[in-house]
N, C-alpha and C. Protein backbone atom coordinates (compact mmCIF):
# COMPACT_ATOMS: atom_id res chain seq x y z
N MET A 1 38.67 -12.67 7.42
CA MET A 1 37.31 -12.20 7.27
C MET A 1 37.08 -11.04 8.24
N ALA A 2 36.44 -9.99 7.75
CA ALA A 2 36.21 -8.80 8.55
C ALA A 2 35.24 -9.08 9.69
N ASN A 3 35.49 -8.46 10.84
CA ASN A 3 34.61 -8.58 12.00
C ASN A 3 33.59 -7.44 11.93
N ILE A 4 32.34 -7.78 11.68
CA ILE A 4 31.29 -6.79 11.49
C ILE A 4 30.22 -6.95 12.56
N SER A 5 29.76 -5.83 13.10
CA SER A 5 28.67 -5.83 14.08
C SER A 5 27.41 -5.32 13.38
N PHE A 6 26.37 -6.19 13.32
CA PHE A 6 25.14 -5.84 12.63
C PHE A 6 24.06 -5.41 13.59
N GLN A 7 23.19 -4.56 13.09
CA GLN A 7 22.03 -4.08 13.82
C GLN A 7 20.95 -3.77 12.79
N CYS A 8 19.67 -3.95 13.16
CA CYS A 8 18.56 -3.66 12.26
C CYS A 8 17.57 -2.76 12.99
N LEU A 9 17.28 -1.61 12.40
CA LEU A 9 16.46 -0.60 13.06
C LEU A 9 15.43 0.00 12.12
N PRO A 10 14.26 0.39 12.67
CA PRO A 10 13.32 1.16 11.85
C PRO A 10 13.87 2.58 11.69
N PHE A 11 13.37 3.28 10.71
CA PHE A 11 13.88 4.61 10.38
C PHE A 11 13.93 5.54 11.60
N ASP A 12 12.85 5.58 12.35
CA ASP A 12 12.76 6.52 13.47
C ASP A 12 13.71 6.21 14.62
N GLN A 13 14.35 5.04 14.60
CA GLN A 13 15.32 4.72 15.65
C GLN A 13 16.76 4.89 15.19
N LEU A 14 16.95 5.27 13.93
CA LEU A 14 18.31 5.54 13.46
C LEU A 14 18.82 6.82 14.11
N THR A 15 20.09 6.82 14.49
CA THR A 15 20.69 8.05 14.97
C THR A 15 21.02 8.92 13.75
N LEU A 16 21.27 10.19 14.00
CA LEU A 16 21.68 11.06 12.88
C LEU A 16 22.97 10.56 12.25
N ARG A 17 23.89 10.08 13.07
CA ARG A 17 25.15 9.54 12.57
C ARG A 17 24.90 8.32 11.66
N GLN A 18 24.02 7.41 12.10
CA GLN A 18 23.71 6.23 11.29
C GLN A 18 23.07 6.63 9.97
N LEU A 19 22.13 7.58 10.02
CA LEU A 19 21.49 8.03 8.78
C LEU A 19 22.51 8.64 7.83
N TYR A 20 23.40 9.47 8.36
CA TYR A 20 24.45 10.06 7.53
C TYR A 20 25.33 8.97 6.92
N ASP A 21 25.73 7.99 7.74
CA ASP A 21 26.57 6.89 7.26
C ASP A 21 25.87 6.10 6.16
N ILE A 22 24.58 5.84 6.34
CA ILE A 22 23.80 5.10 5.34
C ILE A 22 23.77 5.84 4.02
N LEU A 23 23.42 7.12 4.08
CA LEU A 23 23.34 7.91 2.85
C LEU A 23 24.70 8.01 2.17
N ALA A 24 25.74 8.19 2.96
CA ALA A 24 27.09 8.28 2.40
C ALA A 24 27.49 6.98 1.70
N LEU A 25 27.21 5.82 2.35
CA LEU A 25 27.56 4.53 1.73
C LEU A 25 26.75 4.32 0.46
N ARG A 26 25.47 4.61 0.49
CA ARG A 26 24.64 4.42 -0.71
C ARG A 26 25.11 5.32 -1.85
N ILE A 27 25.49 6.55 -1.54
CA ILE A 27 26.01 7.45 -2.58
C ILE A 27 27.33 6.91 -3.12
N ASP A 28 28.23 6.48 -2.21
CA ASP A 28 29.53 5.94 -2.64
C ASP A 28 29.35 4.77 -3.60
N VAL A 29 28.46 3.84 -3.24
CA VAL A 29 28.30 2.61 -4.02
C VAL A 29 27.46 2.84 -5.28
N PHE A 30 26.27 3.39 -5.12
CA PHE A 30 25.33 3.43 -6.23
C PHE A 30 25.53 4.63 -7.16
N VAL A 31 25.94 5.77 -6.63
CA VAL A 31 26.09 6.95 -7.47
C VAL A 31 27.53 7.09 -8.00
N VAL A 32 28.50 7.04 -7.09
CA VAL A 32 29.89 7.27 -7.49
C VAL A 32 30.50 6.03 -8.16
N GLU A 33 30.55 4.88 -7.46
CA GLU A 33 31.18 3.68 -8.02
C GLU A 33 30.50 3.21 -9.30
N GLN A 34 29.16 3.22 -9.29
CA GLN A 34 28.43 2.70 -10.45
C GLN A 34 28.10 3.80 -11.46
N ASN A 35 28.59 5.00 -11.18
CA ASN A 35 28.40 6.14 -12.09
C ASN A 35 26.93 6.24 -12.51
N CYS A 36 26.06 6.26 -11.52
CA CYS A 36 24.62 6.19 -11.78
C CYS A 36 23.88 7.25 -10.97
N PRO A 37 23.81 8.46 -11.49
CA PRO A 37 23.07 9.48 -10.75
C PRO A 37 21.57 9.15 -10.73
N PHE A 38 21.02 9.04 -9.54
CA PHE A 38 19.60 8.77 -9.39
C PHE A 38 19.13 9.39 -8.08
N HIS A 39 17.84 9.55 -7.93
CA HIS A 39 17.28 10.16 -6.73
C HIS A 39 17.12 9.10 -5.66
N ASP A 40 18.11 8.96 -4.81
CA ASP A 40 18.14 7.92 -3.79
C ASP A 40 17.10 8.15 -2.69
N ALA A 41 16.81 9.39 -2.40
CA ALA A 41 15.84 9.71 -1.34
C ALA A 41 14.42 9.53 -1.88
N ASP A 42 14.01 8.26 -1.93
CA ASP A 42 12.74 7.90 -2.58
C ASP A 42 11.56 7.83 -1.60
N ARG A 43 11.76 8.27 -0.38
CA ARG A 43 10.74 8.30 0.68
C ARG A 43 10.36 6.91 1.18
N LYS A 44 10.95 5.86 0.64
CA LYS A 44 10.67 4.50 1.11
C LYS A 44 11.43 4.18 2.40
N ASP A 45 12.45 4.96 2.69
CA ASP A 45 13.24 4.72 3.90
C ASP A 45 12.38 4.81 5.16
N PHE A 46 11.35 5.63 5.12
CA PHE A 46 10.50 5.83 6.29
C PHE A 46 9.79 4.55 6.73
N VAL A 47 9.45 3.67 5.79
CA VAL A 47 8.70 2.44 6.11
C VAL A 47 9.60 1.21 6.15
N ALA A 48 10.87 1.38 5.86
CA ALA A 48 11.80 0.25 5.83
C ALA A 48 12.48 0.07 7.19
N TRP A 49 12.98 -1.15 7.39
CA TRP A 49 13.93 -1.41 8.47
C TRP A 49 15.31 -1.38 7.83
N HIS A 50 16.29 -0.87 8.55
CA HIS A 50 17.62 -0.63 8.01
C HIS A 50 18.63 -1.51 8.72
N CYS A 51 19.28 -2.39 7.96
CA CYS A 51 20.32 -3.25 8.51
C CYS A 51 21.66 -2.59 8.25
N VAL A 52 22.37 -2.32 9.32
CA VAL A 52 23.67 -1.66 9.23
C VAL A 52 24.75 -2.57 9.80
N GLY A 53 25.89 -2.57 9.16
CA GLY A 53 27.02 -3.36 9.62
C GLY A 53 28.25 -2.46 9.75
N TYR A 54 28.73 -2.34 10.99
CA TYR A 54 29.90 -1.50 11.27
C TYR A 54 31.11 -2.37 11.55
N ASP A 55 32.27 -1.93 11.08
CA ASP A 55 33.49 -2.66 11.37
C ASP A 55 34.05 -2.20 12.71
N THR A 56 35.18 -2.77 13.10
CA THR A 56 35.75 -2.48 14.42
C THR A 56 36.30 -1.05 14.51
N GLU A 57 36.46 -0.39 13.37
CA GLU A 57 36.93 1.00 13.37
C GLU A 57 35.76 1.99 13.43
N GLY A 58 34.54 1.46 13.44
CA GLY A 58 33.38 2.33 13.52
C GLY A 58 32.86 2.82 12.18
N ASP A 59 33.33 2.21 11.09
CA ASP A 59 32.87 2.60 9.76
C ASP A 59 31.72 1.72 9.31
N LEU A 60 30.69 2.33 8.73
CA LEU A 60 29.60 1.56 8.13
C LEU A 60 30.14 0.92 6.85
N VAL A 61 30.12 -0.41 6.80
CA VAL A 61 30.68 -1.12 5.66
C VAL A 61 29.67 -2.02 4.96
N ALA A 62 28.46 -2.15 5.55
CA ALA A 62 27.45 -3.03 4.96
C ALA A 62 26.06 -2.48 5.28
N TYR A 63 25.15 -2.59 4.31
CA TYR A 63 23.82 -2.01 4.50
C TYR A 63 22.79 -2.68 3.60
N THR A 64 21.59 -2.85 4.14
CA THR A 64 20.40 -3.19 3.34
C THR A 64 19.21 -2.50 3.98
N ARG A 65 18.12 -2.43 3.21
CA ARG A 65 16.85 -2.01 3.80
C ARG A 65 15.81 -3.08 3.50
N LEU A 66 14.93 -3.30 4.48
CA LEU A 66 13.95 -4.39 4.42
C LEU A 66 12.54 -3.83 4.37
N PHE A 67 11.68 -4.52 3.61
CA PHE A 67 10.29 -4.09 3.48
C PHE A 67 9.34 -5.23 3.79
N ASP A 68 8.26 -4.89 4.48
CA ASP A 68 7.19 -5.83 4.79
C ASP A 68 6.43 -6.18 3.51
N VAL A 69 5.58 -7.18 3.60
CA VAL A 69 4.75 -7.62 2.47
C VAL A 69 4.00 -6.42 1.88
N ASP A 70 4.00 -6.33 0.57
CA ASP A 70 3.26 -5.34 -0.22
C ASP A 70 3.87 -3.94 -0.24
N LEU A 71 4.92 -3.66 0.52
CA LEU A 71 5.48 -2.31 0.53
C LEU A 71 6.40 -2.04 -0.66
N SER A 72 7.06 -3.07 -1.14
CA SER A 72 7.92 -2.91 -2.30
C SER A 72 7.40 -3.73 -3.48
N PHE A 73 7.00 -4.97 -3.19
CA PHE A 73 6.43 -5.86 -4.21
C PHE A 73 5.16 -6.49 -3.64
N GLU A 74 4.09 -6.47 -4.41
CA GLU A 74 2.82 -7.03 -3.95
C GLU A 74 2.96 -8.52 -3.65
N GLY A 75 2.58 -8.90 -2.43
CA GLY A 75 2.61 -10.29 -2.01
C GLY A 75 3.96 -10.79 -1.51
N PHE A 76 4.94 -9.92 -1.42
CA PHE A 76 6.30 -10.33 -1.04
C PHE A 76 6.90 -9.36 -0.03
N THR A 77 7.79 -9.89 0.83
CA THR A 77 8.70 -9.02 1.56
C THR A 77 9.85 -8.73 0.60
N SER A 78 10.73 -7.81 0.98
CA SER A 78 11.79 -7.45 0.04
C SER A 78 13.02 -6.94 0.77
N ILE A 79 14.15 -7.12 0.12
CA ILE A 79 15.44 -6.59 0.57
C ILE A 79 15.97 -5.73 -0.55
N GLY A 80 16.41 -4.52 -0.21
CA GLY A 80 16.91 -3.63 -1.25
C GLY A 80 18.10 -2.81 -0.79
N ARG A 81 18.63 -2.03 -1.71
CA ARG A 81 19.78 -1.15 -1.48
C ARG A 81 20.94 -1.91 -0.82
N VAL A 82 21.19 -3.11 -1.31
CA VAL A 82 22.27 -3.94 -0.78
C VAL A 82 23.60 -3.30 -1.15
N ALA A 83 24.39 -2.93 -0.14
CA ALA A 83 25.64 -2.22 -0.40
C ALA A 83 26.72 -2.65 0.59
N THR A 84 27.92 -2.85 0.06
CA THR A 84 29.10 -3.05 0.91
C THR A 84 30.16 -2.06 0.47
N SER A 85 30.92 -1.59 1.43
CA SER A 85 32.00 -0.65 1.17
C SER A 85 33.15 -1.35 0.44
N HIS A 86 33.81 -0.59 -0.43
CA HIS A 86 34.99 -1.14 -1.12
C HIS A 86 36.05 -1.60 -0.12
N LYS A 87 36.01 -1.03 1.08
CA LYS A 87 36.97 -1.34 2.15
C LYS A 87 36.95 -2.82 2.55
N VAL A 88 35.78 -3.47 2.39
CA VAL A 88 35.64 -4.85 2.87
C VAL A 88 35.26 -5.85 1.78
N ARG A 89 35.34 -5.43 0.54
CA ARG A 89 34.94 -6.34 -0.54
C ARG A 89 35.88 -7.54 -0.60
N ARG A 90 35.33 -8.67 -1.00
CA ARG A 90 36.05 -9.93 -1.13
C ARG A 90 36.54 -10.46 0.22
N GLN A 91 35.83 -10.08 1.29
CA GLN A 91 36.16 -10.56 2.64
C GLN A 91 34.98 -11.31 3.27
N GLY A 92 33.97 -11.62 2.46
CA GLY A 92 32.83 -12.36 2.98
C GLY A 92 31.76 -11.50 3.64
N VAL A 93 31.93 -10.19 3.59
CA VAL A 93 30.97 -9.30 4.25
C VAL A 93 29.62 -9.31 3.54
N GLY A 94 29.63 -9.38 2.21
CA GLY A 94 28.38 -9.44 1.46
C GLY A 94 27.56 -10.67 1.83
N GLN A 95 28.23 -11.80 2.02
CA GLN A 95 27.54 -13.03 2.43
C GLN A 95 26.95 -12.87 3.83
N LYS A 96 27.74 -12.32 4.75
CA LYS A 96 27.25 -12.09 6.11
C LYS A 96 26.05 -11.14 6.09
N LEU A 97 26.15 -10.10 5.28
CA LEU A 97 25.08 -9.10 5.19
C LEU A 97 23.78 -9.73 4.68
N MET A 98 23.86 -10.53 3.62
CA MET A 98 22.64 -11.13 3.08
C MET A 98 22.06 -12.16 4.04
N ALA A 99 22.89 -12.97 4.66
CA ALA A 99 22.40 -13.95 5.63
C ALA A 99 21.69 -13.23 6.77
N TYR A 100 22.28 -12.17 7.27
CA TYR A 100 21.68 -11.39 8.36
C TYR A 100 20.36 -10.75 7.89
N SER A 101 20.35 -10.19 6.69
CA SER A 101 19.17 -9.51 6.17
C SER A 101 18.01 -10.47 5.96
N ILE A 102 18.28 -11.64 5.44
CA ILE A 102 17.23 -12.66 5.27
C ILE A 102 16.67 -13.06 6.63
N GLU A 103 17.56 -13.30 7.58
CA GLU A 103 17.13 -13.67 8.93
C GLU A 103 16.26 -12.57 9.56
N GLN A 104 16.69 -11.33 9.42
CA GLN A 104 15.92 -10.21 9.97
C GLN A 104 14.58 -10.05 9.27
N CYS A 105 14.56 -10.24 7.97
CA CYS A 105 13.31 -10.16 7.21
C CYS A 105 12.31 -11.17 7.75
N GLN A 106 12.77 -12.38 8.01
CA GLN A 106 11.89 -13.42 8.55
C GLN A 106 11.49 -13.13 9.99
N ASN A 107 12.41 -12.62 10.81
CA ASN A 107 12.09 -12.28 12.19
C ASN A 107 11.06 -11.16 12.27
N LEU A 108 11.20 -10.17 11.41
CA LEU A 108 10.31 -9.01 11.45
C LEU A 108 8.95 -9.28 10.83
N TYR A 109 8.94 -9.98 9.70
CA TYR A 109 7.73 -10.08 8.88
C TYR A 109 7.16 -11.49 8.78
N GLY A 110 7.83 -12.47 9.35
CA GLY A 110 7.36 -13.84 9.25
C GLY A 110 7.94 -14.53 8.02
N THR A 111 7.53 -15.76 7.83
CA THR A 111 8.06 -16.55 6.72
C THR A 111 7.25 -16.30 5.47
N HIS A 112 7.76 -15.43 4.63
CA HIS A 112 7.14 -15.09 3.35
C HIS A 112 8.22 -15.18 2.28
N PRO A 113 7.82 -15.36 1.03
CA PRO A 113 8.82 -15.29 -0.03
C PRO A 113 9.39 -13.87 -0.09
N ILE A 114 10.66 -13.77 -0.43
CA ILE A 114 11.35 -12.49 -0.53
C ILE A 114 11.64 -12.21 -2.00
N LYS A 115 11.26 -11.04 -2.46
CA LYS A 115 11.46 -10.65 -3.86
C LYS A 115 12.45 -9.49 -3.92
N ILE A 116 13.38 -9.59 -4.86
CA ILE A 116 14.37 -8.53 -5.03
C ILE A 116 14.52 -8.18 -6.50
N GLY A 117 15.02 -6.99 -6.73
CA GLY A 117 15.46 -6.58 -8.06
C GLY A 117 16.97 -6.56 -8.01
N ALA A 118 17.60 -7.60 -8.53
CA ALA A 118 19.05 -7.79 -8.40
C ALA A 118 19.79 -7.30 -9.64
N GLN A 119 20.94 -6.67 -9.41
CA GLN A 119 21.78 -6.35 -10.55
C GLN A 119 22.22 -7.67 -11.17
N LYS A 120 22.10 -7.74 -12.48
CA LYS A 120 22.25 -9.01 -13.19
C LYS A 120 23.61 -9.67 -12.94
N TYR A 121 24.65 -8.90 -12.79
CA TYR A 121 25.97 -9.50 -12.60
C TYR A 121 26.10 -10.20 -11.24
N LEU A 122 25.13 -9.98 -10.34
CA LEU A 122 25.16 -10.61 -9.02
C LEU A 122 24.22 -11.81 -8.92
N LEU A 123 23.75 -12.30 -10.05
CA LEU A 123 22.81 -13.42 -10.10
C LEU A 123 23.30 -14.62 -9.28
N LYS A 124 24.53 -15.06 -9.50
CA LYS A 124 25.08 -16.23 -8.80
C LYS A 124 25.17 -15.98 -7.29
N PHE A 125 25.54 -14.76 -6.91
CA PHE A 125 25.61 -14.41 -5.49
C PHE A 125 24.26 -14.63 -4.83
N TYR A 126 23.19 -14.09 -5.41
CA TYR A 126 21.87 -14.23 -4.82
C TYR A 126 21.34 -15.66 -4.91
N GLU A 127 21.70 -16.38 -5.97
CA GLU A 127 21.29 -17.78 -6.06
C GLU A 127 21.86 -18.59 -4.90
N SER A 128 23.03 -18.21 -4.41
CA SER A 128 23.65 -18.94 -3.30
C SER A 128 22.84 -18.81 -2.01
N PHE A 129 21.89 -17.86 -1.97
CA PHE A 129 21.01 -17.68 -0.82
C PHE A 129 19.60 -18.20 -1.09
N GLY A 130 19.44 -18.94 -2.18
CA GLY A 130 18.15 -19.54 -2.49
C GLY A 130 17.24 -18.69 -3.36
N PHE A 131 17.71 -17.54 -3.82
CA PHE A 131 16.91 -16.73 -4.74
C PHE A 131 16.94 -17.37 -6.12
N GLN A 132 15.81 -17.30 -6.81
CA GLN A 132 15.70 -17.86 -8.15
C GLN A 132 15.24 -16.77 -9.11
N SER A 133 15.88 -16.70 -10.25
CA SER A 133 15.51 -15.71 -11.26
C SER A 133 14.13 -16.03 -11.82
N THR A 134 13.33 -15.00 -12.00
CA THR A 134 12.03 -15.16 -12.66
C THR A 134 12.18 -15.05 -14.16
N GLY A 135 13.36 -14.64 -14.61
CA GLY A 135 13.59 -14.40 -16.03
C GLY A 135 13.19 -13.01 -16.46
N GLU A 136 12.56 -12.27 -15.56
CA GLU A 136 12.12 -10.91 -15.86
C GLU A 136 13.31 -9.96 -15.71
N GLU A 137 13.81 -9.49 -16.84
CA GLU A 137 14.96 -8.58 -16.84
C GLU A 137 14.49 -7.17 -17.19
N TYR A 138 15.19 -6.19 -16.64
CA TYR A 138 14.85 -4.80 -16.92
C TYR A 138 16.08 -3.92 -16.69
N LEU A 139 16.04 -2.73 -17.23
CA LEU A 139 17.09 -1.75 -17.01
C LEU A 139 16.62 -0.78 -15.94
N GLU A 140 17.45 -0.57 -14.94
CA GLU A 140 17.18 0.45 -13.93
C GLU A 140 18.38 1.37 -13.89
N ASP A 141 18.13 2.62 -14.24
CA ASP A 141 19.19 3.62 -14.30
C ASP A 141 20.35 3.14 -15.17
N GLY A 142 20.02 2.46 -16.27
CA GLY A 142 21.02 2.00 -17.23
C GLY A 142 21.76 0.74 -16.82
N ILE A 143 21.37 0.12 -15.70
CA ILE A 143 22.04 -1.09 -15.22
C ILE A 143 21.09 -2.29 -15.37
N PRO A 144 21.55 -3.37 -16.02
CA PRO A 144 20.69 -4.55 -16.17
C PRO A 144 20.36 -5.20 -14.82
N HIS A 145 19.09 -5.44 -14.59
CA HIS A 145 18.59 -6.07 -13.37
C HIS A 145 17.73 -7.26 -13.74
N VAL A 146 17.52 -8.13 -12.76
CA VAL A 146 16.62 -9.28 -12.92
C VAL A 146 15.82 -9.45 -11.62
N ILE A 147 14.55 -9.78 -11.78
CA ILE A 147 13.70 -10.05 -10.62
C ILE A 147 14.03 -11.45 -10.12
N MET A 148 14.22 -11.57 -8.80
CA MET A 148 14.52 -12.85 -8.18
C MET A 148 13.61 -13.06 -6.98
N ILE A 149 13.27 -14.30 -6.72
CA ILE A 149 12.42 -14.63 -5.58
C ILE A 149 13.06 -15.76 -4.77
N ARG A 150 13.04 -15.58 -3.46
CA ARG A 150 13.47 -16.64 -2.53
C ARG A 150 12.20 -17.20 -1.91
N PRO A 151 11.90 -18.47 -2.19
CA PRO A 151 10.66 -19.05 -1.64
C PRO A 151 10.64 -19.02 -0.12
N ALA A 152 9.44 -19.02 0.45
CA ALA A 152 9.29 -19.01 1.92
C ALA A 152 9.83 -20.30 2.51
């Protein structure tokens, strides 16, 4: 299992290097790997907290962004832009990342239900963290998604 060092920061405390690493990982995963050109710079980064996970070589290999109640979904906190580098896939890093992100969401915003828009093929992964499908499915940038909620 990969040794990852996690940190969670608001936008204004990110270093330029961290911001570059975040954007590069998100482009690698969401635009290149998933062949999904979309406008990633949605201005929501300014109000989000950013969870970054670096490996022992100094590479950003795991990332999420967290939102307080009502910023992404009305009445819910939220976790989004969940990404892991191909370098660490199938090494348990995604599990570590989600566990850390849920913990940070609760530490920052209190105990609230967490709502996500999950890529449908990851349904079982998110269910393992207590998220439940609402049955609401939609296409985002041509990729099937489902709304999921983790009760408080």
